[in-house]
């Protein structure tokens, strides 16, 4: 479960952790739309990695978190076949259904909670 501790609400109920190189590479390519779920990419240390939406046929929202699981950058409405290079290094990248950021009022500096083991 992904929770916003700052807003005291649940963002999504189901999470899938992507820790392996393959799971990070595959991401949402050729997958069905996210419903009440998200992908969480976990890195060993903060990284600045470009994201792409090649072979993802729907838009998503993306959160970038630091080591403390605080939101440091947000990309809303990330569209199919687009590329995005974040400005900051992040320890976690969370891919969410489109409009989740707006619906759940997620802001920079919000502290999130999830288990990443």
Protein backbone atom coordinates (compact mmCIF):
# COMPACT_ATOMS: atom_id res chain seq x y z
CA UNK A 1 0.00 0.00 0.00
CA UNK A 2 1.24 3.47 -0.89
CA UNK A 3 0.28 6.15 1.62
CA UNK A 4 0.80 9.88 1.86
CA UNK A 5 1.80 10.51 5.47
CA UNK A 6 1.64 14.28 5.00
CA UNK A 7 -1.97 14.22 3.74
CA UNK A 8 -2.91 11.14 5.82
CA UNK A 9 -4.48 9.27 2.90
CA UNK A 10 -3.97 6.18 0.78
CA UNK A 11 -2.72 6.85 -2.74
CA UNK A 12 -3.08 3.30 -4.12
CA UNK A 13 -3.71 -0.07 -2.50
CA UNK A 14 -1.42 -2.29 -4.57
CA UNK A 15 2.26 -1.78 -5.28
CA UNK A 16 4.75 -3.68 -7.37
CA UNK A 17 8.42 -3.17 -6.57
CA UNK A 18 10.92 -3.10 -9.43
CA UNK A 19 14.37 -3.87 -8.04
CA UNK A 20 15.96 -6.08 -10.69
CA UNK A 21 17.54 -4.71 -13.84
CA UNK A 22 15.00 -6.58 -15.97
CA UNK A 23 11.95 -5.33 -14.04
CA UNK A 24 13.26 -1.76 -14.24
CA UNK A 25 13.86 -2.12 -17.98
CA UNK A 26 10.41 -3.62 -18.65
CA UNK A 27 8.46 -1.25 -16.42
CA UNK A 28 5.01 -0.76 -17.95
CA UNK A 29 5.93 -1.71 -21.52
CA UNK A 30 3.18 -3.78 -23.14
CA UNK A 31 1.19 -3.85 -19.88
CA UNK A 32 -2.43 -3.07 -19.09
CA UNK A 33 -3.42 0.26 -17.58
CA UNK A 34 -2.69 0.82 -13.93
CA UNK A 35 -5.88 0.80 -11.87
CA UNK A 36 -5.55 0.99 -8.08
CA UNK A 37 -1.86 0.10 -8.29
CA UNK A 38 1.58 1.50 -9.00
CA UNK A 39 5.11 0.51 -9.91
CA UNK A 40 7.88 1.56 -7.55
CA UNK A 41 11.42 1.52 -8.92
CA UNK A 42 13.94 1.07 -6.10
CA UNK A 43 17.58 2.07 -6.59
CA UNK A 44 20.58 1.29 -4.37
CA UNK A 45 21.47 4.96 -4.24
CA UNK A 46 19.96 8.16 -5.65
CA UNK A 47 20.21 8.27 -9.45
CA UNK A 48 19.19 10.60 -12.23
CA UNK A 49 17.84 8.29 -14.87
CA UNK A 50 15.81 9.15 -17.94
CA UNK A 51 12.37 7.62 -18.34
CA UNK A 52 10.69 6.64 -21.56
CA UNK A 53 7.18 5.67 -22.49
CA UNK A 54 8.07 3.52 -25.49
CA UNK A 55 5.48 0.75 -25.88
CA UNK A 56 3.35 2.14 -23.06
CA UNK A 57 0.07 3.09 -24.68
CA UNK A 58 -1.48 5.31 -21.99
CA UNK A 59 -0.43 8.34 -19.94
CA UNK A 60 0.72 8.09 -16.30
CA UNK A 61 1.84 10.30 -13.42
CA UNK A 62 5.34 9.88 -12.00
CA UNK A 63 6.73 10.77 -8.56
CA UNK A 64 10.42 11.04 -7.73
CA UNK A 65 11.37 10.46 -4.08
CA UNK A 66 14.55 10.97 -2.09
CA UNK A 67 16.04 8.55 0.47
CA UNK A 68 13.51 9.74 3.08
CA UNK A 69 10.61 8.95 0.73
CA UNK A 70 9.79 12.62 0.30
CA UNK A 71 8.52 13.80 -3.08
CA UNK A 72 11.22 15.86 -4.78
CA UNK A 73 9.85 16.03 -8.33
CA UNK A 74 6.56 15.31 -10.10
CA UNK A 75 5.79 14.56 -13.75
CA UNK A 76 2.07 14.56 -14.51
CA UNK A 77 0.43 13.22 -17.67
CA UNK A 78 3.57 11.49 -18.98
CA UNK A 79 2.38 10.52 -22.44
CA UNK A 80 3.06 7.48 -24.65
CA UNK A 81 6.31 7.49 -26.64
CA UNK A 82 7.70 10.46 -24.71
CA UNK A 83 11.03 10.78 -22.87
CA UNK A 84 11.64 12.61 -19.60
CA UNK A 85 14.90 13.46 -17.85
CA UNK A 86 14.32 14.43 -14.23
CA UNK A 87 16.14 17.42 -12.78
CA UNK A 88 17.07 15.68 -9.52
CA UNK A 89 18.49 12.36 -8.40
CA UNK A 90 15.98 10.04 -6.75
CA UNK A 91 16.13 6.83 -4.73
CA UNK A 92 12.56 5.84 -5.70
CA UNK A 93 10.49 6.46 -8.82
CA UNK A 94 6.77 5.77 -8.61
CA UNK A 95 4.57 5.32 -11.68
CA UNK A 96 0.88 5.93 -11.00
CA UNK A 97 -2.37 6.04 -12.95
CA UNK A 98 -2.92 9.31 -14.82
CA UNK A 99 -4.49 12.09 -12.69
CA UNK A 100 -3.53 10.46 -9.38
CA UNK A 101 -1.35 13.45 -8.44
CA UNK A 102 -4.29 15.82 -8.90
CA UNK A 103 -6.92 13.55 -7.32
CA UNK A 104 -4.79 12.84 -4.23
CA UNK A 105 -3.35 16.39 -4.03
CA UNK A 106 0.26 15.14 -3.99
CA UNK A 107 2.80 17.94 -3.64
CA UNK A 108 6.57 18.40 -3.48
CA UNK A 109 7.85 17.62 0.07
CA UNK A 110 4.97 15.22 0.86
CA UNK A 111 6.28 12.21 2.80
CA UNK A 112 5.12 8.85 1.45
CA UNK A 113 5.09 5.41 3.02
CA UNK A 114 5.49 1.91 1.56
CA UNK A 115 7.47 -1.19 2.37
CA UNK A 116 10.42 -1.71 0.04
CA UNK A 117 11.77 -5.09 1.09
